[in-house]
Amino acid sequence: MLENIDHLDLQRRLRAHVRVLCEEIGNRSIYTFANLLKAERYVTAALEEAGFLVEKQSFAYRGHPCANLVGRDPRHPVGGREYLLCAHYDTAWGTPGADDNASAVAILLEVGRLGRTAGTVATETAGWRLVAFTTEEPPAFHTRHQGSRVFARKARGQKQRIDGIVNLEMLGYFKDVPGSQHYPFPARLFGYPDRANFVGVLGNWHSRHLAKDLVAAMRENTALPVQQLIVPERGFLLFFSRLSDHSSFWDHGYPAVMVTDTAFLRNPHYHGPSDSPDTLDFAAMAQVVQSLLCFLRSVHE
């Protein structure tokens, strides 16, 4: 199944998701709540069309009814290993949010669709929930109202088992040009490549085994280079490592990693009005889908 993916069709589907989110809906911020609600409905419909049962985890923020969306395969096992594949569907104010974060939402939806068809989303021993978080961006970011913090806090309070979280954050901007990739100190001393043609896998010490297994599986797809960074504790010494939803789970003791194109370390359109679909590399995004499907398959082997 995985070897027979039609990449042209996959690119078309990825482009269609991004076009709807960025062009038909537009800015998806708490400040443009009607659009955020449209995005919620679109992601729900796409998950349901792929065969997932969708549960809304609702909460109020600034007088608005916000919701995390949790997609579960009807064949999801009870009592087996539990994993989350997640991405946030909101945007910073004033941007169409193609890379941040329509790219990751599109990849989440297509990994779910293809993984469910291939039978790798749920088996007798392990299952993946697909989670689309809301309110990741300011002003909710790193407050108790951030969607992933609502989710992680509830999960820990209920003592839910989660064996691993894979957070997708900005996965559409790629450049195979020398000097297109930048790093903050001290990461620039670690010998990483200077071409923005790879995806990064970022974990903390507690999630190092999850990160190792993810990188190994993704590297089965030799068309997409993968780089890895493990940070100490909960990432406070390298604060850029905390700038997405995975850190909500670090703070509650769960193993979580981020898969990313490294955001503002390569993308000049970050959080700006020029973060538009025409800046994305849909062929590379299709390879990200392929690589993540390799990992879903490896979890069940």
Protein backbone atom coordinates (compact mmCIF):
# COMPACT_ATOMS: atom_id res chain seq x y z
CA MET A 1 0.00 0.00 0.00
CA LEU A 2 2.62 2.52 1.07
CA GLU A 3 4.83 1.77 -1.89
CA ASN A 4 1.92 2.33 -4.29
CA ILE A 5 0.92 5.84 -3.25
CA ASP A 6 -0.04 8.03 -6.21
CA HIS A 7 2.09 11.08 -5.38
CA LEU A 8 0.49 13.28 -8.03
CA ASP A 9 -2.96 12.60 -6.60
CA LEU A 10 -1.60 13.10 -3.08
CA GLN A 11 -0.12 16.47 -4.06
CA ARG A 12 -3.47 17.46 -5.55
CA ARG A 13 -5.28 16.55 -2.33
CA LEU A 14 -2.75 18.38 -0.17
CA ARG A 15 -3.06 21.46 -2.34
CA ALA A 16 -6.86 21.31 -2.12
CA HIS A 17 -6.81 21.23 1.71
CA VAL A 18 -4.43 24.18 1.83
CA ARG A 19 -6.43 26.15 -0.73
CA VAL A 20 -9.66 25.77 1.24
CA LEU A 21 -8.05 26.70 4.55
CA CYS A 22 -6.04 29.65 3.23
CA GLU A 23 -8.11 31.03 0.36
CA GLU A 24 -11.74 30.00 0.87
CA ILE A 25 -11.60 30.44 4.66
CA GLY A 26 -8.56 32.67 5.22
CA ASN A 27 -7.17 33.89 8.52
CA ARG A 28 -8.18 31.42 11.24
CA SER A 29 -7.56 33.34 14.44
CA ILE A 30 -9.53 33.87 17.63
CA TYR A 31 -9.79 37.46 16.34
CA THR A 32 -11.56 36.15 13.22
CA PHE A 33 -13.63 33.58 15.05
CA ALA A 34 -16.13 32.96 12.25
CA ASN A 35 -13.24 31.73 10.08
CA LEU A 36 -11.84 29.63 12.92
CA LEU A 37 -15.25 27.98 13.20
CA LYS A 38 -15.28 27.33 9.43
CA ALA A 39 -11.87 25.65 9.73
CA GLU A 40 -13.16 23.52 12.61
CA ARG A 41 -16.04 22.36 10.43
CA TYR A 42 -13.79 21.66 7.45
CA VAL A 43 -11.34 19.53 9.44
CA THR A 44 -14.21 17.65 11.09
CA ALA A 45 -15.79 16.90 7.72
CA ALA A 46 -12.48 15.73 6.22
CA LEU A 47 -11.82 13.37 9.12
CA GLU A 48 -15.35 11.97 8.95
CA GLU A 49 -15.07 11.50 5.19
CA ALA A 50 -11.92 9.43 5.80
CA GLY A 51 -13.89 7.19 8.18
CA PHE A 52 -12.96 8.63 11.57
CA LEU A 53 -15.35 9.22 14.44
CA VAL A 54 -14.79 12.82 15.57
CA GLU A 55 -15.17 13.98 19.16
CA LYS A 56 -15.08 17.68 20.03
CA GLN A 57 -13.23 18.67 23.18
CA SER A 58 -14.92 21.99 23.82
CA PHE A 59 -13.84 24.87 26.01
CA ALA A 60 -14.49 28.60 26.21
CA TYR A 61 -11.93 31.26 25.41
CA ARG A 62 -12.61 34.99 25.30
CA GLY A 63 -16.32 34.30 25.11
CA HIS A 64 -16.00 31.91 22.15
CA PRO A 65 -16.76 28.16 22.06
CA CYS A 66 -13.45 26.65 20.92
CA ALA A 67 -12.81 22.98 20.22
CA ASN A 68 -10.00 20.48 19.82
CA LEU A 69 -11.02 17.78 17.33
CA VAL A 70 -10.19 14.14 18.07
CA GLY A 71 -10.53 11.61 15.27
CA ARG A 72 -10.65 7.93 16.20
CA ASP A 73 -10.81 4.93 13.89
CA PRO A 74 -13.86 2.79 14.79
CA ARG A 75 -11.43 -0.16 14.94
CA HIS A 76 -9.30 1.60 17.59
CA PRO A 77 -8.31 -1.01 20.21
CA VAL A 78 -9.24 -0.75 23.88
CA GLY A 79 -6.32 -1.22 26.27
CA GLY A 80 -3.58 -1.22 23.65
CA ARG A 81 -0.80 1.28 23.05
CA GLU A 82 -2.06 4.80 22.44
CA TYR A 83 -0.51 7.40 20.13
CA LEU A 84 -1.48 10.88 19.00
CA LEU A 85 -0.76 12.50 15.64
CA CYS A 86 -1.62 16.18 15.91
CA ALA A 87 -1.47 19.65 14.35
CA HIS A 88 -3.06 23.01 15.15
CA TYR A 89 -5.61 24.42 12.72
CA ASP A 90 -5.66 28.05 13.86
CA THR A 91 -3.36 30.81 12.59
CA ALA A 92 -1.66 33.90 13.91
CA TRP A 93 -3.71 37.03 13.29
CA GLY A 94 -3.27 38.65 9.86
CA THR A 95 -1.86 35.69 7.94
CA PRO A 96 -3.50 33.12 5.64
CA GLY A 97 -1.26 30.58 7.39
CA ALA A 98 -0.26 28.31 4.51
CA ASP A 99 2.87 26.90 6.12
CA ASP A 100 1.69 27.82 9.64
CA ASN A 101 -0.24 25.63 9.85
CA ALA A 102 -2.37 24.58 6.88
CA SER A 103 0.57 22.51 5.60
CA ALA A 104 0.60 20.36 8.73
CA VAL A 105 -3.20 20.06 8.85
CA ALA A 106 -3.25 18.88 5.24
CA ILE A 107 -0.56 16.29 6.02
CA LEU A 108 -2.45 15.18 9.15
CA LEU A 109 -5.60 14.60 7.10
CA GLU A 110 -3.82 12.69 4.34
CA VAL A 111 -1.78 10.52 6.72
CA GLY A 112 -5.03 9.68 8.45
CA ARG A 113 -6.86 8.88 5.23
CA LEU A 114 -4.09 6.72 3.76
CA GLY A 115 -3.15 5.16 7.09
CA ARG A 116 -6.72 4.11 7.77
CA THR A 117 -6.98 2.58 4.29
CA ALA A 118 -3.71 0.70 4.86
CA GLY A 119 -4.82 -0.50 8.30
CA THR A 120 -1.96 1.20 10.15
CA VAL A 121 -4.03 3.70 12.16
CA ALA A 122 -5.56 0.97 14.32
CA THR A 123 -4.62 -2.66 14.91
CA GLU A 124 -5.34 -5.13 17.70
CA THR A 125 -2.43 -3.82 19.79
CA ALA A 126 -2.08 -0.10 19.05
CA GLY A 127 -4.08 2.85 17.83
CA TRP A 128 -3.57 6.42 16.67
CA ARG A 129 -5.89 9.30 17.47
CA LEU A 130 -5.71 12.23 15.05
CA VAL A 131 -6.01 15.49 16.97
CA ALA A 132 -6.48 18.96 15.47
CA PHE A 133 -5.78 21.57 18.14
CA THR A 134 -7.23 25.05 18.27
CA THR A 135 -5.79 28.24 19.87
CA GLU A 136 -2.12 27.37 19.49
CA GLU A 137 -1.27 30.89 18.35
CA PRO A 138 -1.19 34.13 20.40
CA PRO A 139 -2.90 35.35 22.48
CA ALA A 140 -3.58 31.85 23.84
CA PHE A 141 -0.07 30.51 23.22
CA HIS A 142 1.58 29.20 26.41
CA THR A 143 -1.48 30.01 28.49
CA ARG A 144 -3.94 27.57 30.05
CA HIS A 145 -6.28 28.30 27.11
CA GLN A 146 -3.93 26.88 24.45
CA GLY A 147 -5.81 23.97 22.93
CA SER A 148 -3.07 21.40 23.45
CA ARG A 149 -2.65 22.51 27.08
CA VAL A 150 -6.35 21.97 27.65
CA PHE A 151 -5.98 18.49 26.14
CA ALA A 152 -2.77 17.52 27.99
CA ARG A 153 -4.05 18.83 31.33
CA LYS A 154 -7.24 16.78 31.01
CA ALA A 155 -5.33 13.68 29.89
CA ARG A 156 -2.99 13.84 32.88
CA GLY A 157 -5.86 14.55 35.25
CA GLN A 158 -7.68 11.46 33.99
CA LYS A 159 -4.44 9.43 34.01
CA GLN A 160 -4.85 8.65 30.32
CA ARG A 161 -2.28 6.40 28.73
CA ILE A 162 -0.46 8.08 25.83
CA ASP A 163 2.63 6.22 24.63
CA GLY A 164 3.74 8.92 22.21
CA ILE A 165 2.69 12.20 20.61
CA VAL A 166 3.86 13.27 17.14
CA ASN A 167 3.15 16.97 16.64
CA LEU A 168 3.17 18.34 13.08
CA GLU A 169 4.21 22.00 12.86
CA MET A 170 4.90 23.90 9.61
CA LEU A 171 5.80 21.29 7.00
CA GLY A 172 5.53 22.98 3.63
CA TYR A 173 8.51 25.26 3.03
CA PHE A 174 11.59 23.67 1.41
CA LYS A 175 14.56 25.16 -0.46
CA ASP A 176 17.50 23.16 -1.84
CA VAL A 177 19.76 26.23 -1.88
CA PRO A 178 22.99 26.76 0.13
CA GLY A 179 22.43 29.14 3.04
CA SER A 180 18.63 28.73 3.04
CA GLN A 181 18.62 27.05 6.47
CA HIS A 182 19.52 28.94 9.64
CA TYR A 183 20.05 27.90 13.27
CA PRO A 184 20.08 29.67 16.62
CA PHE A 185 23.07 29.40 18.91
CA PRO A 186 24.21 26.82 19.97
CA ALA A 187 22.45 24.54 17.46
CA ARG A 188 24.44 26.12 14.63
CA LEU A 189 27.55 24.49 16.12
CA PHE A 190 26.17 20.96 15.74
CA GLY A 191 26.98 20.51 12.06
CA TYR A 192 23.48 20.53 10.63
CA PRO A 193 23.06 21.15 6.85
CA ASP A 194 22.70 24.68 5.47
CA ARG A 195 20.10 23.69 2.87
CA ALA A 196 16.41 23.86 3.86
CA ASN A 197 15.60 20.57 2.14
CA PHE A 198 14.95 18.38 5.21
CA VAL A 199 12.42 17.91 7.99
CA GLY A 200 13.48 18.19 11.60
CA VAL A 201 12.44 15.89 14.44
CA LEU A 202 12.71 17.56 17.82
CA GLY A 203 12.32 15.79 21.14
CA ASN A 204 13.34 16.13 24.76
CA TRP A 205 15.25 13.56 26.81
CA HIS A 206 12.07 11.84 27.98
CA SER A 207 10.97 11.36 24.36
CA ARG A 208 14.36 10.36 22.94
CA HIS A 209 13.32 6.77 22.20
CA LEU A 210 10.19 7.92 20.38
CA ALA A 211 12.32 10.37 18.37
CA LYS A 212 14.88 7.67 17.53
CA ASP A 213 12.20 5.27 16.29
CA LEU A 214 10.45 8.02 14.31
CA VAL A 215 13.65 9.14 12.58
CA ALA A 216 14.64 5.57 11.74
CA ALA A 217 11.25 4.87 10.17
CA MET A 218 11.10 8.16 8.27
CA ARG A 219 14.55 7.55 6.81
CA GLU A 220 13.17 4.48 5.05
CA ASN A 221 11.92 7.07 2.58
CA THR A 222 15.25 8.11 1.11
CA ALA A 223 13.63 10.93 -0.91
CA LEU A 224 13.25 13.07 2.22
CA PRO A 225 16.24 13.91 4.46
CA VAL A 226 15.56 13.94 8.21
CA GLN A 227 17.54 15.65 10.97
CA GLN A 228 17.13 15.16 14.72
CA LEU A 229 17.65 17.30 17.83
CA ILE A 230 17.18 16.17 21.44
CA VAL A 231 17.03 18.92 24.07
CA PRO A 232 17.44 18.61 27.86
CA GLU A 233 14.51 18.31 30.24
CA ARG A 234 11.52 20.35 28.97
CA GLY A 235 13.48 22.53 26.55
CA PHE A 236 13.79 25.71 28.61
CA LEU A 237 17.53 26.00 27.89
CA LEU A 238 16.72 26.20 24.15
CA PHE A 239 13.40 28.02 24.32
CA PHE A 240 12.80 27.88 20.56
CA SER A 241 12.32 24.13 21.08
CA ARG A 242 9.12 24.80 23.06
CA LEU A 243 7.32 26.86 20.41
CA SER A 244 4.54 24.42 19.52
CA ASP A 245 2.01 22.00 20.97
CA HIS A 246 4.46 19.23 21.85
CA SER A 247 5.71 21.27 24.82
CA SER A 248 2.24 21.07 26.39
CA PHE A 249 2.80 17.33 26.68
CA TRP A 250 6.41 17.68 27.88
CA ASP A 251 5.07 19.76 30.77
CA HIS A 252 2.77 16.90 31.79
CA GLY A 253 5.39 14.16 31.48
CA TYR A 254 4.30 12.60 28.19
CA PRO A 255 6.80 11.61 25.44
CA ALA A 256 6.26 14.01 22.55
CA VAL A 257 8.17 15.04 19.44
CA MET A 258 7.70 17.76 16.84
CA VAL A 259 8.12 17.17 13.11
CA THR A 260 8.76 20.49 11.37
CA ASP A 261 10.34 22.37 8.49
CA THR A 262 11.94 24.53 11.28
CA ALA A 263 9.52 27.46 10.81
CA PHE A 264 11.16 30.93 11.03
CA LEU A 265 14.62 29.35 10.84
CA ARG A 266 14.00 28.98 7.09
CA ASN A 267 10.65 30.48 6.13
CA PRO A 268 10.76 34.29 5.61
CA HIS A 269 6.95 34.41 5.40
CA TYR A 270 6.45 33.22 9.00
CA HIS A 271 3.42 34.87 10.66
CA GLY A 272 3.08 37.32 7.79
CA PRO A 273 0.51 38.06 5.08
CA SER A 274 2.79 36.45 2.49
CA ASP A 275 2.51 32.96 4.06
CA SER A 276 0.44 31.86 1.08
CA PRO A 277 -0.09 28.53 -0.73
CA ASP A 278 2.16 29.50 -3.65
CA THR A 279 5.19 29.43 -1.29
CA LEU A 280 4.72 25.74 -0.44
CA ASP A 281 6.42 22.70 -1.98
CA PHE A 282 3.61 20.16 -2.36
CA ALA A 283 5.92 17.48 -3.77
CA ALA A 284 8.01 17.64 -0.59
CA MET A 285 4.84 17.61 1.52
CA ALA A 286 3.78 14.39 -0.20
CA GLN A 287 7.13 12.89 0.80
CA VAL A 288 6.44 13.93 4.42
CA VAL A 289 3.18 11.99 4.24
CA GLN A 290 5.04 8.97 2.85
CA SER A 291 7.64 9.14 5.63
CA LEU A 292 5.06 9.43 8.40
CA LEU A 293 3.18 6.45 6.99
CA CYS A 294 6.41 4.47 7.31
CA PHE A 295 6.40 5.29 11.02
CA LEU A 296 2.75 4.36 11.51
CA ARG A 297 3.47 1.01 9.89
CA SER A 298 6.59 0.45 12.04
CA VAL A 299 4.65 0.95 15.29
CA HIS A 300 2.59 -2.15 14.52
CA GLU A 301 5.44 -4.41 13.38
